[in-house]
Amino acid sequence: MSLVRVHNFSVSLDGFGTGEGQELDAPFGHAGMRLVEWAFPTRTFRQMGLPGEGEGSNGIDEAFASRWSSGIGVEIMGRNKFGPQRGPWADEEWQGWWGDNPPFHTPVIVLTHHPRPQLTMDGGTTFHFVDAEPAEALEQARALAGDLDVRIGGGVTTIRRFLEADLIDQMHIVLVPILLGRGERLWDGLEGLEQRFHIEAAPSPSGVIHLTFARRDRVV
């Protein structure tokens, strides 16, 4: 069976995966871009269109960042990764943060209590807006992915719900040396999670620590 994976998801030292007060010009709320600054210099993120000089680095951060798309057939994301709106859609003009050609190049399932018509973008990305619990959404994602893996792209609530349902096989969390103090915490309610995973840590010269989790009950 295909794997369910998380890649390149950053949390602060105090466990927050996003800051407070998400807005159109602040996708991570008061955290700004501090949670993802480690990724800006990498070759992978430069190819996604992040600003910077040159083609990007090939160090340890790139080694982890580059794994995000290999073997992936579908992404599942929460509504607040797709956009800043809450509640019923005021309109359906919003098409995500990423412009006409999002970096996913696969189907993307957006979890929302307010479904809207399928949205097809350039480059092979199609957004499907689904009101579903994690297990049901995963079943739909696997139908779209074929033999390829499913990536859980965030945000915090989406990853936590899939962890609570014990549906994640591999996870890459980036521990960023900042303190946010407020926002949305990843680990709340997940006491004892370490017993379900083999966990390894790899420090980077950039100051972050790459944590990898692999489920103990699966040979991967």
C-alpha atoms as a PDB file:
ATOM      1  CA  MET A   1       0.000   0.000   0.000  1.00  0.00           C
ATOM      2  CA  SER A   2       1.164   3.542  -0.696  1.00  0.00           C
ATOM      3  CA  LEU A   3       2.699   5.560   2.118  1.00  0.00           C
ATOM      4  CA  VAL A   4       1.347   8.683   3.797  1.00  0.00           C
ATOM      5  CA  ARG A   5       4.129  11.246   4.192  1.00  0.00           C
ATOM      6  CA  VAL A   6       4.791  14.702   5.637  1.00  0.00           C
ATOM      7  CA  HIS A   7       7.704  16.785   4.352  1.00  0.00           C
ATOM      8  CA  ASN A   8       9.383  20.088   5.205  1.00  0.00           C
ATOM      9  CA  PHE A   9       6.929  21.037   7.956  1.00  0.00           C
ATOM     10  CA  SER A  10       8.484  23.576  10.309  1.00  0.00           C
ATOM     11  CA  VAL A  11       7.743  24.128  13.992  1.00  0.00           C
ATOM     12  CA  SER A  12       9.192  26.553  16.505  1.00  0.00           C
ATOM     13  CA  LEU A  13      11.029  25.516  19.673  1.00  0.00           C
ATOM     14  CA  ASP A  14       7.761  25.952  21.572  1.00  0.00           C
ATOM     15  CA  GLY A  15       5.893  23.728  19.121  1.00  0.00           C
ATOM     16  CA  PHE A  16       3.996  26.205  16.946  1.00  0.00           C
ATOM     17  CA  GLY A  17       3.607  25.387  13.254  1.00  0.00           C
ATOM     18  CA  THR A  18       2.075  28.759  12.435  1.00  0.00           C
ATOM     19  CA  GLY A  19       1.679  32.093  14.167  1.00  0.00           C
ATOM     20  CA  GLU A  20      -1.453  33.908  15.224  1.00  0.00           C
ATOM     21  CA  GLY A  21      -3.463  36.098  12.861  1.00  0.00           C
ATOM     22  CA  GLN A  22      -3.226  34.639   9.366  1.00  0.00           C
ATOM     23  CA  GLU A  23      -4.042  37.241   6.716  1.00  0.00           C
ATOM     24  CA  LEU A  24      -3.733  37.598   2.965  1.00  0.00           C
ATOM     25  CA  ASP A  25      -0.306  39.214   3.282  1.00  0.00           C
ATOM     26  CA  ALA A  26       0.738  37.044   6.253  1.00  0.00           C
ATOM     27  CA  PRO A  27       0.191  33.322   5.509  1.00  0.00           C
ATOM     28  CA  PHE A  28       1.941  32.355   8.767  1.00  0.00           C
ATOM     29  CA  GLY A  29       0.422  35.106  10.877  1.00  0.00           C
ATOM     30  CA  HIS A  30       2.692  36.992  13.259  1.00  0.00           C
ATOM     31  CA  ALA A  31       5.473  34.429  12.601  1.00  0.00           C
ATOM     32  CA  GLY A  32       6.101  36.069   9.248  1.00  0.00           C
ATOM     33  CA  MET A  33       8.400  33.875   7.190  1.00  0.00           C
ATOM     34  CA  ARG A  34      10.683  32.892  10.078  1.00  0.00           C
ATOM     35  CA  LEU A  35       9.482  29.282  10.138  1.00  0.00           C
ATOM     36  CA  VAL A  36      10.484  28.679   6.524  1.00  0.00           C
ATOM     37  CA  GLU A  37      13.577  30.871   6.128  1.00  0.00           C
ATOM     38  CA  TRP A  38      15.770  27.753   6.349  1.00  0.00           C
ATOM     39  CA  ALA A  39      14.317  26.586   3.023  1.00  0.00           C
ATOM     40  CA  PHE A  40      14.766  29.800   1.032  1.00  0.00           C
ATOM     41  CA  PRO A  41      18.395  29.129  -0.038  1.00  0.00           C
ATOM     42  CA  THR A  42      17.768  25.529  -1.158  1.00  0.00           C
ATOM     43  CA  ARG A  43      17.733  24.505  -4.782  1.00  0.00           C
ATOM     44  CA  THR A  44      14.303  22.886  -4.368  1.00  0.00           C
ATOM     45  CA  PHE A  45      12.610  26.008  -3.044  1.00  0.00           C
ATOM     46  CA  ARG A  46      14.375  28.263  -5.559  1.00  0.00           C
ATOM     47  CA  GLN A  47      12.869  26.088  -8.282  1.00  0.00           C
ATOM     48  CA  MET A  48       9.455  26.725  -6.707  1.00  0.00           C
ATOM     49  CA  GLY A  49      10.000  30.431  -7.310  1.00  0.00           C
ATOM     50  CA  LEU A  50      11.301  31.696  -3.977  1.00  0.00           C
ATOM     51  CA  PRO A  51      13.535  34.738  -4.410  1.00  0.00           C
ATOM     52  CA  GLY A  52      17.312  34.543  -4.176  1.00  0.00           C
ATOM     53  CA  GLU A  53      20.502  34.654  -6.170  1.00  0.00           C
ATOM     54  CA  GLY A  54      21.792  31.629  -8.023  1.00  0.00           C
ATOM     55  CA  GLU A  55      20.369  28.151  -8.348  1.00  0.00           C
ATOM     56  CA  GLY A  56      20.308  27.431  -4.629  1.00  0.00           C
ATOM     57  CA  SER A  57      22.271  25.313  -2.179  1.00  0.00           C
ATOM     58  CA  ASN A  58      22.923  21.571  -2.194  1.00  0.00           C
ATOM     59  CA  GLY A  59      23.666  21.033   1.504  1.00  0.00           C
ATOM     60  CA  ILE A  60      21.793  19.121   4.190  1.00  0.00           C
ATOM     61  CA  ASP A  61      18.744  21.403   4.013  1.00  0.00           C
ATOM     62  CA  GLU A  62      18.437  20.712   0.301  1.00  0.00           C
ATOM     63  CA  ALA A  63      18.883  16.972   0.883  1.00  0.00           C
ATOM     64  CA  PHE A  64      15.760  16.992   3.045  1.00  0.00           C
ATOM     65  CA  ALA A  65      13.800  19.603   1.100  1.00  0.00           C
ATOM     66  CA  SER A  66      14.219  17.756  -2.194  1.00  0.00           C
ATOM     67  CA  ARG A  67      12.412  14.627  -0.961  1.00  0.00           C
ATOM     68  CA  TRP A  68       9.025  16.342  -0.841  1.00  0.00           C
ATOM     69  CA  SER A  69       7.877  15.462  -4.370  1.00  0.00           C
ATOM     70  CA  SER A  70       9.564  12.123  -5.096  1.00  0.00           C
ATOM     71  CA  GLY A  71       6.943   9.404  -5.518  1.00  0.00           C
ATOM     72  CA  ILE A  72       4.020  11.653  -4.550  1.00  0.00           C
ATOM     73  CA  GLY A  73       0.730  11.298  -6.408  1.00  0.00           C
ATOM     74  CA  VAL A  74      -1.586  13.507  -4.337  1.00  0.00           C
ATOM     75  CA  GLU A  75      -1.385  16.136  -1.592  1.00  0.00           C
ATOM     76  CA  ILE A  76      -3.985  16.581   1.155  1.00  0.00           C
ATOM     77  CA  MET A  77      -4.062  20.037   2.713  1.00  0.00           C
ATOM     78  CA  GLY A  78      -6.285  21.972   5.059  1.00  0.00           C
ATOM     79  CA  ARG A  79      -8.319  24.907   3.911  1.00  0.00           C
ATOM     80  CA  ASN A  80      -6.097  27.451   5.642  1.00  0.00           C
ATOM     81  CA  LYS A  81      -3.070  26.254   3.706  1.00  0.00           C
ATOM     82  CA  PHE A  82      -5.062  26.957   0.547  1.00  0.00           C
ATOM     83  CA  GLY A  83      -6.111  30.440   1.631  1.00  0.00           C
ATOM     84  CA  PRO A  84      -6.954  32.836   4.474  1.00  0.00           C
ATOM     85  CA  GLN A  85     -10.766  32.799   4.185  1.00  0.00           C
ATOM     86  CA  ARG A  86     -12.919  31.275   6.933  1.00  0.00           C
ATOM     87  CA  GLY A  87     -16.512  30.050   6.778  1.00  0.00           C
ATOM     88  CA  PRO A  88     -18.566  29.982   3.555  1.00  0.00           C
ATOM     89  CA  TRP A  89     -16.669  31.166   0.490  1.00  0.00           C
ATOM     90  CA  ALA A  90     -17.365  34.844  -0.105  1.00  0.00           C
ATOM     91  CA  ASP A  91     -16.548  34.072  -3.733  1.00  0.00           C
ATOM     92  CA  GLU A  92     -14.654  31.431  -5.680  1.00  0.00           C
ATOM     93  CA  GLU A  93     -12.122  33.767  -7.268  1.00  0.00           C
ATOM     94  CA  TRP A  94      -9.392  32.859  -4.763  1.00  0.00           C
ATOM     95  CA  GLN A  95      -7.135  30.199  -6.337  1.00  0.00           C
ATOM     96  CA  GLY A  96      -4.460  29.757  -3.674  1.00  0.00           C
ATOM     97  CA  TRP A  97      -1.216  31.483  -2.731  1.00  0.00           C
ATOM     98  CA  TRP A  98       0.827  30.050  -5.604  1.00  0.00           C
ATOM     99  CA  GLY A  99      -0.298  31.786  -8.808  1.00  0.00           C
ATOM    100  CA  ASP A 100      -1.461  30.146 -12.024  1.00  0.00           C
ATOM    101  CA  ASN A 101       1.068  27.283 -11.863  1.00  0.00           C
ATOM    102  CA  PRO A 102       1.221  25.893  -8.302  1.00  0.00           C
ATOM    103  CA  PRO A 103       4.246  23.748  -7.399  1.00  0.00           C
ATOM    104  CA  PHE A 104       2.269  20.558  -6.678  1.00  0.00           C
ATOM    105  CA  HIS A 105       1.694  19.250 -10.255  1.00  0.00           C
ATOM    106  CA  THR A 106      -0.668  16.581  -8.885  1.00  0.00           C
ATOM    107  CA  PRO A 107      -4.250  16.459  -7.646  1.00  0.00           C
ATOM    108  CA  VAL A 108      -4.658  18.247  -4.298  1.00  0.00           C
ATOM    109  CA  ILE A 109      -7.462  17.506  -1.860  1.00  0.00           C
ATOM    110  CA  VAL A 110      -8.404  20.578   0.178  1.00  0.00           C
ATOM    111  CA  LEU A 111     -10.262  19.690   3.384  1.00  0.00           C
ATOM    112  CA  THR A 112     -13.092  22.153   4.026  1.00  0.00           C
ATOM    113  CA  HIS A 113     -16.582  22.183   5.496  1.00  0.00           C
ATOM    114  CA  HIS A 114     -17.580  24.337   2.519  1.00  0.00           C
ATOM    115  CA  PRO A 115     -16.924  22.413  -0.726  1.00  0.00           C
ATOM    116  CA  ARG A 116     -16.726  24.286  -4.021  1.00  0.00           C
ATOM    117  CA  PRO A 117     -16.240  23.170  -7.642  1.00  0.00           C
ATOM    118  CA  GLN A 118     -13.003  21.508  -8.693  1.00  0.00           C
ATOM    119  CA  LEU A 119     -10.290  23.987  -9.706  1.00  0.00           C
ATOM    120  CA  THR A 120      -7.852  23.066 -12.489  1.00  0.00           C
ATOM    121  CA  MET A 121      -4.611  25.043 -12.699  1.00  0.00           C
ATOM    122  CA  ASP A 122      -1.625  25.089 -15.032  1.00  0.00           C
ATOM    123  CA  GLY A 123       1.059  22.445 -14.651  1.00  0.00           C
ATOM    124  CA  GLY A 124      -1.171  19.532 -13.689  1.00  0.00           C
ATOM    125  CA  THR A 125      -2.477  20.762 -10.330  1.00  0.00           C
ATOM    126  CA  THR A 126      -6.181  20.202  -9.703  1.00  0.00           C
ATOM    127  CA  PHE A 127      -7.741  21.244  -6.387  1.00  0.00           C
ATOM    128  CA  HIS A 128     -10.605  19.081  -5.083  1.00  0.00           C
ATOM    129  CA  PHE A 129     -12.569  20.648  -2.215  1.00  0.00           C
ATOM    130  CA  VAL A 130     -13.793  17.904   0.091  1.00  0.00           C
ATOM    131  CA  ASP A 131     -15.683  17.746   3.395  1.00  0.00           C
ATOM    132  CA  ALA A 132     -14.312  14.516   4.874  1.00  0.00           C
ATOM    133  CA  GLU A 133     -12.694  12.963   7.922  1.00  0.00           C
ATOM    134  CA  PRO A 134      -9.032  11.915   7.569  1.00  0.00           C
ATOM    135  CA  ALA A 135      -9.664   8.244   6.724  1.00  0.00           C
ATOM    136  CA  GLU A 136     -12.241   9.108   4.064  1.00  0.00           C
ATOM    137  CA  ALA A 137     -10.036  11.818   2.569  1.00  0.00           C
ATOM    138  CA  LEU A 138      -7.126   9.380   2.448  1.00  0.00           C
ATOM    139  CA  GLU A 139      -9.256   6.829   0.623  1.00  0.00           C
ATOM    140  CA  GLN A 140     -10.150   9.453  -1.982  1.00  0.00           C
ATOM    141  CA  ALA A 141      -6.526  10.546  -2.242  1.00  0.00           C
ATOM    142  CA  ARG A 142      -5.293   7.004  -2.835  1.00  0.00           C
ATOM    143  CA  ALA A 143      -7.850   6.565  -5.596  1.00  0.00           C
ATOM    144  CA  LEU A 144      -6.367   9.626  -7.311  1.00  0.00           C
ATOM    145  CA  ALA A 145      -2.726   8.726  -6.569  1.00  0.00           C
ATOM    146  CA  GLY A 146      -2.675   5.224  -8.046  1.00  0.00           C
ATOM    147  CA  ASP A 147       0.450   3.448  -6.792  1.00  0.00           C
ATOM    148  CA  LEU A 148       2.116   6.668  -5.655  1.00  0.00           C
ATOM    149  CA  ASP A 149       2.308   8.051  -2.108  1.00  0.00           C
ATOM    150  CA  VAL A 150       0.094  10.654  -0.457  1.00  0.00           C
ATOM    151  CA  ARG A 151       1.596  13.791   1.081  1.00  0.00           C
ATOM    152  CA  ILE A 152      -0.097  15.516   4.007  1.00  0.00           C
ATOM    153  CA  GLY A 153       0.866  19.106   3.332  1.00  0.00           C
ATOM    154  CA  GLY A 154      -0.487  20.909   6.376  1.00  0.00           C
ATOM    155  CA  GLY A 155      -1.419  23.090   8.046  1.00  0.00           C
ATOM    156  CA  VAL A 156      -1.075  22.242  11.692  1.00  0.00           C
ATOM    157  CA  THR A 157      -4.625  21.013  12.292  1.00  0.00           C
ATOM    158  CA  THR A 158      -4.564  18.727   9.262  1.00  0.00           C
ATOM    159  CA  ILE A 159      -1.286  17.046  10.240  1.00  0.00           C
ATOM    160  CA  ARG A 160      -2.420  16.691  13.857  1.00  0.00           C
ATOM    161  CA  ARG A 161      -5.736  15.105  12.805  1.00  0.00           C
ATOM    162  CA  PHE A 162      -3.944  12.545  10.635  1.00  0.00           C
ATOM    163  CA  LEU A 163      -1.546  11.771  13.491  1.00  0.00           C
ATOM    164  CA  GLU A 164      -4.460  11.364  15.884  1.00  0.00           C
ATOM    165  CA  ALA A 165      -6.010   8.905  13.418  1.00  0.00           C
ATOM    166  CA  ASP A 166      -2.658   7.041  13.170  1.00  0.00           C
ATOM    167  CA  LEU A 167      -2.579   7.454   9.393  1.00  0.00           C
ATOM    168  CA  ILE A 168       0.924   8.877   8.858  1.00  0.00           C
ATOM    169  CA  ASP A 169       3.802   6.551   7.929  1.00  0.00           C
ATOM    170  CA  GLN A 170       6.715   8.961   7.462  1.00  0.00           C
ATOM    171  CA  MET A 171       7.150  12.509   8.690  1.00  0.00           C
ATOM    172  CA  HIS A 172       9.844  15.180   8.304  1.00  0.00           C
ATOM    173  CA  ILE A 173       9.592  17.972  10.860  1.00  0.00           C
ATOM    174  CA  VAL A 174      12.013  20.898  10.886  1.00  0.00           C
ATOM    175  CA  LEU A 175      12.716  22.308  14.343  1.00  0.00           C
ATOM    176  CA  VAL A 176      13.427  26.023  13.902  1.00  0.00           C
ATOM    177  CA  PRO A 177      15.283  27.907  16.692  1.00  0.00           C
ATOM    178  CA  ILE A 178      12.672  30.590  17.298  1.00  0.00           C
ATOM    179  CA  LEU A 179      10.017  31.121  19.973  1.00  0.00           C
ATOM    180  CA  LEU A 180       6.602  32.224  18.736  1.00  0.00           C
ATOM    181  CA  GLY A 181       4.636  32.175  21.999  1.00  0.00           C
ATOM    182  CA  ARG A 182       1.259  31.985  20.273  1.00  0.00           C
ATOM    183  CA  GLY A 183      -0.376  30.472  17.238  1.00  0.00           C
ATOM    184  CA  GLU A 184      -1.259  26.836  16.575  1.00  0.00           C
ATOM    185  CA  ARG A 185       0.755  24.078  18.232  1.00  0.00           C
ATOM    186  CA  LEU A 186       1.424  20.800  16.449  1.00  0.00           C
ATOM    187  CA  TRP A 187       1.985  18.442  19.375  1.00  0.00           C
ATOM    188  CA  ASP A 188      -1.025  19.205  21.608  1.00  0.00           C
ATOM    189  CA  GLY A 189      -2.936  16.031  22.464  1.00  0.00           C
ATOM    190  CA  LEU A 190      -0.269  13.746  20.976  1.00  0.00           C
ATOM    191  CA  GLU A 191       1.455  12.585  24.145  1.00  0.00           C
ATOM    192  CA  GLY A 192       3.366   9.337  23.610  1.00  0.00           C
ATOM    193  CA  LEU A 193       3.646   9.859  19.854  1.00  0.00           C
ATOM    194  CA  GLU A 194       7.328   8.897  20.011  1.00  0.00           C
ATOM    195  CA  GLN A 195       6.356   5.328  20.905  1.00  0.00           C
ATOM    196  CA  ARG A 196       4.793   4.877  17.451  1.00  0.00           C
ATOM    197  CA  PHE A 197       7.814   6.040  15.447  1.00  0.00           C
ATOM    198  CA  HIS A 198      11.515   5.534  14.967  1.00  0.00           C
ATOM    199  CA  ILE A 199      12.871   9.093  15.269  1.00  0.00           C
ATOM    200  CA  GLU A 200      16.206  10.441  14.067  1.00  0.00           C
ATOM    201  CA  ALA A 201      17.631  13.966  14.272  1.00  0.00           C
ATOM    202  CA  ALA A 202      20.054  15.687  11.891  1.00  0.00           C
ATOM    203  CA  PRO A 203      21.339  19.169  12.794  1.00  0.00           C
ATOM    204  CA  SER A 204      22.020  21.617   9.976  1.00  0.00           C
ATOM    205  CA  PRO A 205      24.566  24.462   9.791  1.00  0.00           C
ATOM    206  CA  SER A 206      21.592  26.753   9.115  1.00  0.00           C
ATOM    207  CA  GLY A 207      20.542  26.252  12.749  1.00  0.00           C
ATOM    208  CA  VAL A 208      17.518  24.006  12.213  1.00  0.00           C
ATOM    209  CA  ILE A 209      17.236  20.350  13.208  1.00  0.00           C
ATOM    210  CA  HIS A 210      15.660  17.910  10.785  1.00  0.00           C
ATOM    211  CA  LEU A 211      13.561  15.292  12.608  1.00  0.00           C
ATOM    212  CA  THR A 212      12.456  12.197  10.722  1.00  0.00           C
ATOM    213  CA  PHE A 213       9.698   9.880  11.966  1.00  0.00           C
ATOM    214  CA  ALA A 214       9.088   6.389  10.540  1.00  0.00           C
ATOM    215  CA  ARG A 215       6.288   4.176  11.837  1.00  0.00           C
ATOM    216  CA  ARG A 216       7.519   1.225  13.847  1.00  0.00           C
ATOM    217  CA  ASP A 217       4.841  -1.156  12.579  1.00  0.00           C
ATOM    218  CA  ARG A 218       5.643  -0.761   8.871  1.00  0.00           C
ATOM    219  CA  VAL A 219       8.672  -1.887   6.911  1.00  0.00           C
ATOM    220  CA  VAL A 220       9.432   1.105   4.693  1.00  0.00           C
END
